[in-house]
Amino acid sequence: MESIVNGLIQLGLSREEAESYLLIIKEHRVSTDFLKLKLGISDKDTEKILETLTVKRLIKPVFELPNTYEATEPETAISGLVLNYIKDLEDRASQIRNLGLKIRDDILKIYRETKYSIKAEQLIQPLASLDEMEVYTFKAISEAERSIDIFTLTFGWYNKVREALISCLDRKVTVRVLMKIADEASRRVALELKEIGVNVKLLAEEWHPLRGTIVDNKKIVFLIWASKGEKPVYYLPHYSTNDGILEIFREFFNKKWSEAKPFTD
């Protein structure tokens, strides 16, 4: 009998629960008072044990007899106990894997920062929201000295940077805008951009995931859309002054610019 108790313990029962379950199997039916006296345990412990065994579907109450329990069909009951134990192990294994991945990433961050003497935030700075992205974009445009490259879609935020762009053009800053004419509003934006002296080209494709502004080839504010539609999903916007990051986006912009069509009235 001890081997059975030990086996039940390995499947997740406590010793008291295993001994109680085995006693109910042997007696067929037991009352709470009988179980308490037989095992020498308190009323509270007895209730807790019976509740646990019932939840695990190893026993069930005998409705015609108050405070009396009997075993459920053992084959089904033990199979369920095994399956639940396996699920618990899988959940635990998943938690361990996730913990391992987190520790790995944390250690890799320290390792790379030490090995290459550069921190992740020196490469790219996450921005908290689209509002913060607008603030960084406006500031970057306002401080432009030589060039501004904007890759957008319909340029729905044009009015927020209009005065800053006009000021840049007055300072002889070169401004290029890559966009799409999707409706009458975006057409009006493109027309005004052209009138004030901005170089405007139209994207060759219907949609692309990147939006951003490169200023003086020294700083970039950008956003990556993960999906499109009525409720599009985007990754957090970012800001960077890192040469490697800037080179990637400069190449992207110049490639799209070369493929794009000039905007004509």
C-alpha atoms as a PDB file:
ATOM      1  CA  MET A   1       0.000   0.000   0.000  1.00  0.00           C
ATOM      2  CA  GLU A   2       2.914   2.354   0.708  1.00  0.00           C
ATOM      3  CA  SER A   3       4.012   2.127  -2.918  1.00  0.00           C
ATOM      4  CA  ILE A   4       0.551   3.267  -4.026  1.00  0.00           C
ATOM      5  CA  VAL A   5       0.645   6.185  -1.582  1.00  0.00           C
ATOM      6  CA  ASN A   6       4.103   7.179  -2.839  1.00  0.00           C
ATOM      7  CA  GLY A   7       2.880   6.955  -6.429  1.00  0.00           C
ATOM      8  CA  LEU A   8      -0.081   9.204  -5.673  1.00  0.00           C
ATOM      9  CA  ILE A   9       2.271  11.671  -3.982  1.00  0.00           C
ATOM     10  CA  GLN A  10       4.417  11.741  -7.141  1.00  0.00           C
ATOM     11  CA  LEU A  11       1.256  12.573  -9.111  1.00  0.00           C
ATOM     12  CA  GLY A  12       0.680  15.662  -6.994  1.00  0.00           C
ATOM     13  CA  LEU A  13      -1.262  14.566  -3.906  1.00  0.00           C
ATOM     14  CA  SER A  14      -0.093  15.257  -0.378  1.00  0.00           C
ATOM     15  CA  ARG A  15       0.505  12.254   1.887  1.00  0.00           C
ATOM     16  CA  GLU A  16      -2.715  12.947   3.809  1.00  0.00           C
ATOM     17  CA  GLU A  17      -4.694  13.219   0.540  1.00  0.00           C
ATOM     18  CA  ALA A  18      -3.162  10.014  -0.815  1.00  0.00           C
ATOM     19  CA  GLU A  19      -3.854   8.089   2.393  1.00  0.00           C
ATOM     20  CA  SER A  20      -7.423   9.442   2.546  1.00  0.00           C
ATOM     21  CA  TYR A  21      -8.079   8.487  -1.075  1.00  0.00           C
ATOM     22  CA  LEU A  22      -6.730   4.971  -0.543  1.00  0.00           C
ATOM     23  CA  LEU A  23      -8.858   4.594   2.592  1.00  0.00           C
ATOM     24  CA  ILE A  24     -12.000   5.626   0.668  1.00  0.00           C
ATOM     25  CA  ILE A  25     -11.114   3.124  -2.083  1.00  0.00           C
ATOM     26  CA  LYS A  26     -10.760   0.331   0.502  1.00  0.00           C
ATOM     27  CA  GLU A  27     -13.894   1.247   2.483  1.00  0.00           C
ATOM     28  CA  HIS A  28     -15.949   2.119  -0.627  1.00  0.00           C
ATOM     29  CA  ARG A  29     -17.748   4.804   1.329  1.00  0.00           C
ATOM     30  CA  VAL A  30     -16.596   6.861   4.308  1.00  0.00           C
ATOM     31  CA  SER A  31     -18.071   9.619   6.417  1.00  0.00           C
ATOM     32  CA  THR A  32     -16.120  12.709   7.353  1.00  0.00           C
ATOM     33  CA  ASP A  33     -16.135  11.621  11.014  1.00  0.00           C
ATOM     34  CA  PHE A  34     -14.757   8.174  10.108  1.00  0.00           C
ATOM     35  CA  LEU A  35     -11.974   9.707   8.022  1.00  0.00           C
ATOM     36  CA  LYS A  36     -11.085  12.184  10.771  1.00  0.00           C
ATOM     37  CA  LEU A  37     -10.864   9.472  13.436  1.00  0.00           C
ATOM     38  CA  LYS A  38      -9.042   6.988  11.229  1.00  0.00           C
ATOM     39  CA  LEU A  39      -6.304   9.457  10.210  1.00  0.00           C
ATOM     40  CA  GLY A  40      -6.247  11.443  13.455  1.00  0.00           C
ATOM     41  CA  ILE A  41      -6.697  14.823  11.788  1.00  0.00           C
ATOM     42  CA  SER A  42      -8.755  17.928  12.582  1.00  0.00           C
ATOM     43  CA  ASP A  43     -12.154  18.869  11.156  1.00  0.00           C
ATOM     44  CA  LYS A  44     -10.557  21.640   9.087  1.00  0.00           C
ATOM     45  CA  ASP A  45      -7.916  19.341   7.615  1.00  0.00           C
ATOM     46  CA  THR A  46     -10.573  16.709   6.853  1.00  0.00           C
ATOM     47  CA  GLU A  47     -12.725  19.213   4.972  1.00  0.00           C
ATOM     48  CA  LYS A  48      -9.729  20.486   3.011  1.00  0.00           C
ATOM     49  CA  ILE A  49      -8.652  16.968   2.009  1.00  0.00           C
ATOM     50  CA  LEU A  50     -12.149  15.974   0.895  1.00  0.00           C
ATOM     51  CA  GLU A  51     -12.528  19.219  -1.058  1.00  0.00           C
ATOM     52  CA  THR A  52      -9.215  18.660  -2.863  1.00  0.00           C
ATOM     53  CA  LEU A  53     -10.011  15.034  -3.733  1.00  0.00           C
ATOM     54  CA  THR A  54     -13.444  16.115  -4.998  1.00  0.00           C
ATOM     55  CA  VAL A  55     -11.985  18.883  -7.159  1.00  0.00           C
ATOM     56  CA  LYS A  56      -9.519  16.386  -8.619  1.00  0.00           C
ATOM     57  CA  ARG A  57     -12.512  14.119  -9.344  1.00  0.00           C
ATOM     58  CA  LEU A  58     -11.099  11.230  -7.345  1.00  0.00           C
ATOM     59  CA  ILE A  59     -14.134  11.092  -5.037  1.00  0.00           C
ATOM     60  CA  LYS A  60     -17.702  12.395  -5.029  1.00  0.00           C
ATOM     61  CA  PRO A  61     -20.311  13.011  -2.330  1.00  0.00           C
ATOM     62  CA  VAL A  62     -23.010  10.442  -1.698  1.00  0.00           C
ATOM     63  CA  PHE A  63     -26.107  12.614  -1.889  1.00  0.00           C
ATOM     64  CA  GLU A  64     -28.421  10.213  -0.083  1.00  0.00           C
ATOM     65  CA  LEU A  65     -26.017  10.080   2.884  1.00  0.00           C
ATOM     66  CA  PRO A  66     -24.912  13.372   4.470  1.00  0.00           C
ATOM     67  CA  ASN A  67     -21.172  14.000   4.937  1.00  0.00           C
ATOM     68  CA  THR A  68     -20.342  10.777   3.123  1.00  0.00           C
ATOM     69  CA  TYR A  69     -18.045  10.268   0.130  1.00  0.00           C
ATOM     70  CA  GLU A  70     -17.233   7.448  -2.270  1.00  0.00           C
ATOM     71  CA  ALA A  71     -14.552   6.942  -4.924  1.00  0.00           C
ATOM     72  CA  THR A  72     -15.245   7.695  -8.551  1.00  0.00           C
ATOM     73  CA  GLU A  73     -14.366   5.079 -11.198  1.00  0.00           C
ATOM     74  CA  PRO A  74     -10.582   4.639 -10.614  1.00  0.00           C
ATOM     75  CA  GLU A  75      -9.519   4.184 -14.247  1.00  0.00           C
ATOM     76  CA  THR A  76     -10.997   7.532 -15.285  1.00  0.00           C
ATOM     77  CA  ALA A  77      -9.981   9.225 -12.031  1.00  0.00           C
ATOM     78  CA  ILE A  78      -6.308   8.225 -12.188  1.00  0.00           C
ATOM     79  CA  SER A  79      -6.105   9.004 -15.910  1.00  0.00           C
ATOM     80  CA  GLY A  80      -7.423  12.489 -15.144  1.00  0.00           C
ATOM     81  CA  LEU A  81      -4.925  12.856 -12.306  1.00  0.00           C
ATOM     82  CA  VAL A  82      -2.082  11.903 -14.649  1.00  0.00           C
ATOM     83  CA  LEU A  83      -3.242  14.321 -17.365  1.00  0.00           C
ATOM     84  CA  ASN A  84      -3.536  17.172 -14.862  1.00  0.00           C
ATOM     85  CA  TYR A  85      -0.077  16.403 -13.529  1.00  0.00           C
ATOM     86  CA  ILE A  86       1.372  16.397 -17.051  1.00  0.00           C
ATOM     87  CA  LYS A  87      -0.309  19.751 -17.747  1.00  0.00           C
ATOM     88  CA  ASP A  88       1.165  21.183 -14.554  1.00  0.00           C
ATOM     89  CA  LEU A  89       4.602  19.946 -15.637  1.00  0.00           C
ATOM     90  CA  GLU A  90       4.151  21.498 -19.088  1.00  0.00           C
ATOM     91  CA  ASP A  91       3.076  24.807 -17.538  1.00  0.00           C
ATOM     92  CA  ARG A  92       6.081  24.707 -15.253  1.00  0.00           C
ATOM     93  CA  ALA A  93       8.356  23.860 -18.173  1.00  0.00           C
ATOM     94  CA  SER A  94       6.909  26.798 -20.120  1.00  0.00           C
ATOM     95  CA  GLN A  95       7.570  29.112 -17.176  1.00  0.00           C
ATOM     96  CA  ILE A  96      11.137  27.820 -16.937  1.00  0.00           C
ATOM     97  CA  ARG A  97      11.664  28.331 -20.687  1.00  0.00           C
ATOM     98  CA  ASN A  98      10.334  31.894 -20.476  1.00  0.00           C
ATOM     99  CA  LEU A  99      12.512  32.582 -17.456  1.00  0.00           C
ATOM    100  CA  GLY A 100      15.506  31.169 -19.305  1.00  0.00           C
ATOM    101  CA  LEU A 101      14.803  33.357 -22.354  1.00  0.00           C
ATOM    102  CA  LYS A 102      14.495  36.462 -20.181  1.00  0.00           C
ATOM    103  CA  ILE A 103      17.714  35.694 -18.319  1.00  0.00           C
ATOM    104  CA  ARG A 104      19.431  34.997 -21.656  1.00  0.00           C
ATOM    105  CA  ASP A 105      18.296  38.323 -23.103  1.00  0.00           C
ATOM    106  CA  ASP A 106      19.327  40.220 -19.972  1.00  0.00           C
ATOM    107  CA  ILE A 107      22.741  38.555 -19.953  1.00  0.00           C
ATOM    108  CA  LEU A 108      23.195  39.089 -23.708  1.00  0.00           C
ATOM    109  CA  LYS A 109      22.447  42.780 -23.244  1.00  0.00           C
ATOM    110  CA  ILE A 110      25.132  43.088 -20.577  1.00  0.00           C
ATOM    111  CA  TYR A 111      27.549  40.944 -22.626  1.00  0.00           C
ATOM    112  CA  ARG A 112      27.098  42.987 -25.795  1.00  0.00           C
ATOM    113  CA  GLU A 113      27.285  46.312 -23.991  1.00  0.00           C
ATOM    114  CA  THR A 114      30.546  45.189 -22.388  1.00  0.00           C
ATOM    115  CA  LYS A 115      32.006  43.608 -25.535  1.00  0.00           C
ATOM    116  CA  TYR A 116      31.070  46.338 -28.007  1.00  0.00           C
ATOM    117  CA  SER A 117      31.026  49.278 -25.569  1.00  0.00           C
ATOM    118  CA  ILE A 118      27.599  50.447 -26.751  1.00  0.00           C
ATOM    119  CA  LYS A 119      24.208  50.445 -25.102  1.00  0.00           C
ATOM    120  CA  ALA A 120      20.921  49.682 -26.879  1.00  0.00           C
ATOM    121  CA  GLU A 121      19.549  53.133 -26.039  1.00  0.00           C
ATOM    122  CA  GLN A 122      22.512  54.652 -27.849  1.00  0.00           C
ATOM    123  CA  LEU A 123      21.304  52.957 -31.043  1.00  0.00           C
ATOM    124  CA  ILE A 124      17.587  53.624 -30.798  1.00  0.00           C
ATOM    125  CA  GLN A 125      15.318  55.434 -28.353  1.00  0.00           C
ATOM    126  CA  PRO A 126      11.709  54.260 -28.008  1.00  0.00           C
ATOM    127  CA  LEU A 127       9.048  56.967 -27.804  1.00  0.00           C
ATOM    128  CA  ALA A 128       6.008  56.480 -25.606  1.00  0.00           C
ATOM    129  CA  SER A 129       3.279  57.448 -28.072  1.00  0.00           C
ATOM    130  CA  LEU A 130       2.330  59.031 -31.394  1.00  0.00           C
ATOM    131  CA  ASP A 131       2.012  62.353 -29.554  1.00  0.00           C
ATOM    132  CA  GLU A 132       5.621  62.128 -28.417  1.00  0.00           C
ATOM    133  CA  MET A 133       6.620  61.162 -31.965  1.00  0.00           C
ATOM    134  CA  GLU A 134       4.969  64.360 -33.220  1.00  0.00           C
ATOM    135  CA  VAL A 135       6.912  66.430 -30.676  1.00  0.00           C
ATOM    136  CA  TYR A 136      10.241  64.878 -31.720  1.00  0.00           C
ATOM    137  CA  THR A 137       9.373  65.266 -35.412  1.00  0.00           C
ATOM    138  CA  PHE A 138       8.429  68.936 -35.054  1.00  0.00           C
ATOM    139  CA  LYS A 139      11.602  69.678 -33.084  1.00  0.00           C
ATOM    140  CA  ALA A 140      13.814  67.869 -35.611  1.00  0.00           C
ATOM    141  CA  ILE A 141      12.213  69.685 -38.572  1.00  0.00           C
ATOM    142  CA  SER A 142      12.485  73.043 -36.803  1.00  0.00           C
ATOM    143  CA  GLU A 143      16.221  72.497 -36.244  1.00  0.00           C
ATOM    144  CA  ALA A 144      16.980  71.301 -39.803  1.00  0.00           C
ATOM    145  CA  GLU A 145      19.966  72.950 -41.499  1.00  0.00           C
ATOM    146  CA  ARG A 146      20.406  71.151 -44.817  1.00  0.00           C
ATOM    147  CA  SER A 147      17.819  68.491 -45.644  1.00  0.00           C
ATOM    148  CA  ILE A 148      14.543  66.885 -44.622  1.00  0.00           C
ATOM    149  CA  ASP A 149      13.285  63.589 -46.061  1.00  0.00           C
ATOM    150  CA  ILE A 150       9.751  62.573 -45.093  1.00  0.00           C
ATOM    151  CA  PHE A 151       8.290  59.167 -45.922  1.00  0.00           C
ATOM    152  CA  THR A 152       4.594  59.048 -45.185  1.00  0.00           C
ATOM    153  CA  LEU A 153       1.365  57.888 -46.822  1.00  0.00           C
ATOM    154  CA  THR A 154      -1.335  60.578 -47.000  1.00  0.00           C
ATOM    155  CA  PHE A 155       0.609  63.088 -44.856  1.00  0.00           C
ATOM    156  CA  GLY A 156      -2.455  63.674 -42.684  1.00  0.00           C
ATOM    157  CA  TRP A 157      -0.248  65.411 -40.081  1.00  0.00           C
ATOM    158  CA  TYR A 158       1.034  68.045 -42.535  1.00  0.00           C
ATOM    159  CA  ASN A 159      -0.742  70.960 -40.826  1.00  0.00           C
ATOM    160  CA  LYS A 160       1.118  70.200 -37.589  1.00  0.00           C
ATOM    161  CA  VAL A 161       4.495  70.851 -39.238  1.00  0.00           C
ATOM    162  CA  ARG A 162       3.438  73.245 -42.024  1.00  0.00           C
ATOM    163  CA  GLU A 163       4.905  76.418 -40.507  1.00  0.00           C
ATOM    164  CA  ALA A 164       8.109  74.614 -39.538  1.00  0.00           C
ATOM    165  CA  LEU A 165       8.542  73.344 -43.121  1.00  0.00           C
ATOM    166  CA  ILE A 166       7.956  76.809 -44.591  1.00  0.00           C
ATOM    167  CA  SER A 167      10.581  78.210 -42.216  1.00  0.00           C
ATOM    168  CA  CYS A 168      13.027  75.495 -43.335  1.00  0.00           C
ATOM    169  CA  LEU A 169      12.433  76.317 -46.998  1.00  0.00           C
ATOM    170  CA  ASP A 170      13.098  79.993 -46.239  1.00  0.00           C
ATOM    171  CA  ARG A 171      16.466  78.867 -44.859  1.00  0.00           C
ATOM    172  CA  LYS A 172      17.174  77.000 -48.110  1.00  0.00           C
ATOM    173  CA  VAL A 173      16.731  73.566 -46.548  1.00  0.00           C
ATOM    174  CA  THR A 174      15.995  70.882 -49.154  1.00  0.00           C
ATOM    175  CA  VAL A 175      12.739  69.089 -48.413  1.00  0.00           C
ATOM    176  CA  ARG A 176      11.647  65.843 -50.063  1.00  0.00           C
ATOM    177  CA  VAL A 177       8.309  64.171 -49.345  1.00  0.00           C
ATOM    178  CA  LEU A 178       7.415  60.654 -50.422  1.00  0.00           C
ATOM    179  CA  MET A 179       3.658  60.078 -50.167  1.00  0.00           C
ATOM    180  CA  LYS A 180       0.504  58.675 -51.735  1.00  0.00           C
ATOM    181  CA  ILE A 181      -2.568  60.387 -53.174  1.00  0.00           C
ATOM    182  CA  ALA A 182      -5.397  58.457 -51.540  1.00  0.00           C
ATOM    183  CA  ASP A 183      -8.135  61.080 -51.489  1.00  0.00           C
ATOM    184  CA  GLU A 184      -8.876  64.749 -52.135  1.00  0.00           C
ATOM    185  CA  ALA A 185      -7.327  65.790 -48.809  1.00  0.00           C
ATOM    186  CA  SER A 186      -3.979  64.164 -49.619  1.00  0.00           C
ATOM    187  CA  ARG A 187      -4.101  65.722 -53.115  1.00  0.00           C
ATOM    188  CA  ARG A 188      -4.520  69.175 -51.581  1.00  0.00           C
ATOM    189  CA  VAL A 189      -1.559  68.506 -49.293  1.00  0.00           C
ATOM    190  CA  ALA A 190       0.621  67.434 -52.225  1.00  0.00           C
ATOM    191  CA  LEU A 191      -0.413  70.528 -54.231  1.00  0.00           C
ATOM    192  CA  GLU A 192       0.429  72.883 -51.380  1.00  0.00           C
ATOM    193  CA  LEU A 193       3.755  71.157 -50.764  1.00  0.00           C
ATOM    194  CA  LYS A 194       4.661  71.631 -54.401  1.00  0.00           C
ATOM    195  CA  GLU A 195       3.564  75.292 -54.316  1.00  0.00           C
ATOM    196  CA  ILE A 196       5.780  76.138 -51.336  1.00  0.00           C
ATOM    197  CA  GLY A 197       8.828  74.475 -52.923  1.00  0.00           C
ATOM    198  CA  VAL A 198       8.873  70.929 -51.567  1.00  0.00           C
ATOM    199  CA  ASN A 199       9.998  68.106 -53.860  1.00  0.00           C
ATOM    200  CA  VAL A 200       7.084  65.658 -53.904  1.00  0.00           C
ATOM    201  CA  LYS A 201       7.008  62.155 -55.331  1.00  0.00           C
ATOM    202  CA  LEU A 202       4.297  59.518 -55.257  1.00  0.00           C
ATOM    203  CA  LEU A 203       4.942  56.024 -53.950  1.00  0.00           C
ATOM    204  CA  ALA A 204       4.890  53.230 -56.505  1.00  0.00           C
ATOM    205  CA  GLU A 205       3.114  50.795 -54.148  1.00  0.00           C
ATOM    206  CA  GLU A 206      -0.296  51.157 -52.521  1.00  0.00           C
ATOM    207  CA  TRP A 207       0.999  50.786 -48.969  1.00  0.00           C
ATOM    208  CA  HIS A 208       4.255  50.445 -47.078  1.00  0.00           C
ATOM    209  CA  PRO A 209       4.856  49.898 -43.349  1.00  0.00           C
ATOM    210  CA  LEU A 210       7.409  52.647 -42.628  1.00  0.00           C
ATOM    211  CA  ARG A 211       6.703  56.259 -41.704  1.00  0.00           C
ATOM    212  CA  GLY A 212       9.365  58.693 -40.661  1.00  0.00           C
ATOM    213  CA  THR A 213      11.415  61.851 -41.021  1.00  0.00           C
ATOM    214  CA  ILE A 214      15.175  62.045 -41.628  1.00  0.00           C
ATOM    215  CA  VAL A 215      16.764  65.406 -40.824  1.00  0.00           C
ATOM    216  CA  ASP A 216      20.228  66.465 -42.065  1.00  0.00           C
ATOM    217  CA  ASN A 217      21.080  62.752 -42.374  1.00  0.00           C
ATOM    218  CA  LYS A 218      21.865  62.987 -38.648  1.00  0.00           C
ATOM    219  CA  LYS A 219      18.604  62.130 -36.897  1.00  0.00           C
ATOM    220  CA  ILE A 220      15.463  60.126 -37.622  1.00  0.00           C
ATOM    221  CA  VAL A 221      12.033  59.775 -36.084  1.00  0.00           C
ATOM    222  CA  PHE A 222      10.192  56.739 -37.401  1.00  0.00           C
ATOM    223  CA  LEU A 223       7.311  54.325 -36.950  1.00  0.00           C
ATOM    224  CA  ILE A 224       6.683  50.802 -38.284  1.00  0.00           C
ATOM    225  CA  TRP A 225       3.103  49.691 -38.908  1.00  0.00           C
ATOM    226  CA  ALA A 226       2.557  45.970 -38.305  1.00  0.00           C
ATOM    227  CA  SER A 227      -0.762  45.852 -40.130  1.00  0.00           C
ATOM    228  CA  LYS A 228      -3.202  48.008 -42.055  1.00  0.00           C
ATOM    229  CA  GLY A 229      -6.988  48.275 -42.124  1.00  0.00           C
ATOM    230  CA  GLU A 230      -9.641  49.915 -39.993  1.00  0.00           C
ATOM    231  CA  LYS A 231      -7.703  49.219 -36.796  1.00  0.00           C
ATOM    232  CA  PRO A 232      -4.025  49.186 -37.826  1.00  0.00           C
ATOM    233  CA  VAL A 233      -1.386  47.997 -35.377  1.00  0.00           C
ATOM    234  CA  TYR A 234       1.958  49.736 -35.020  1.00  0.00           C
ATOM    235  CA  TYR A 235       5.154  49.221 -33.059  1.00  0.00           C
ATOM    236  CA  LEU A 236       6.233  52.004 -30.720  1.00  0.00           C
ATOM    237  CA  PRO A 237       7.751  54.983 -32.577  1.00  0.00           C
ATOM    238  CA  HIS A 238      11.493  55.520 -32.189  1.00  0.00           C
ATOM    239  CA  TYR A 239      14.163  58.201 -32.439  1.00  0.00           C
ATOM    240  CA  SER A 240      17.804  57.653 -33.390  1.00  0.00           C
ATOM    241  CA  THR A 241      20.997  59.519 -34.231  1.00  0.00           C
ATOM    242  CA  ASN A 242      23.032  56.351 -34.807  1.00  0.00           C
ATOM    243  CA  ASP A 243      24.866  56.281 -38.160  1.00  0.00           C
ATOM    244  CA  GLY A 244      24.074  52.601 -38.772  1.00  0.00           C
ATOM    245  CA  ILE A 245      20.347  53.063 -38.180  1.00  0.00           C
ATOM    246  CA  LEU A 246      20.337  56.206 -40.311  1.00  0.00           C
ATOM    247  CA  GLU A 247      22.111  54.447 -43.172  1.00  0.00           C
ATOM    248  CA  ILE A 248      19.426  51.749 -43.292  1.00  0.00           C
ATOM    249  CA  PHE A 249      16.638  54.305 -43.544  1.00  0.00           C
ATOM    250  CA  ARG A 250      18.541  56.553 -45.974  1.00  0.00           C
ATOM    251  CA  GLU A 251      18.952  53.582 -48.303  1.00  0.00           C
ATOM    252  CA  PHE A 252      15.244  52.768 -47.925  1.00  0.00           C
ATOM    253  CA  PHE A 253      14.194  56.337 -48.674  1.00  0.00           C
ATOM    254  CA  ASN A 254      16.521  56.776 -51.639  1.00  0.00           C
ATOM    255  CA  LYS A 255      15.430  53.472 -53.159  1.00  0.00           C
ATOM    256  CA  LYS A 256      11.749  54.355 -52.821  1.00  0.00           C
ATOM    257  CA  TRP A 257      12.464  57.870 -54.118  1.00  0.00           C
ATOM    258  CA  SER A 258      14.121  56.505 -57.250  1.00  0.00           C
ATOM    259  CA  GLU A 259      11.144  54.210 -57.885  1.00  0.00           C
ATOM    260  CA  ALA A 260       8.504  56.868 -57.194  1.00  0.00           C
ATOM    261  CA  LYS A 261       6.734  59.046 -59.767  1.00  0.00           C
ATOM    262  CA  PRO A 262       6.955  62.844 -59.724  1.00  0.00           C
ATOM    263  CA  PHE A 263       3.752  64.526 -58.572  1.00  0.00           C
ATOM    264  CA  THR A 264       2.014  66.514 -61.290  1.00  0.00           C
ATOM    265  CA  ASP A 265      -1.137  68.592 -61.101  1.00  0.00           C
END
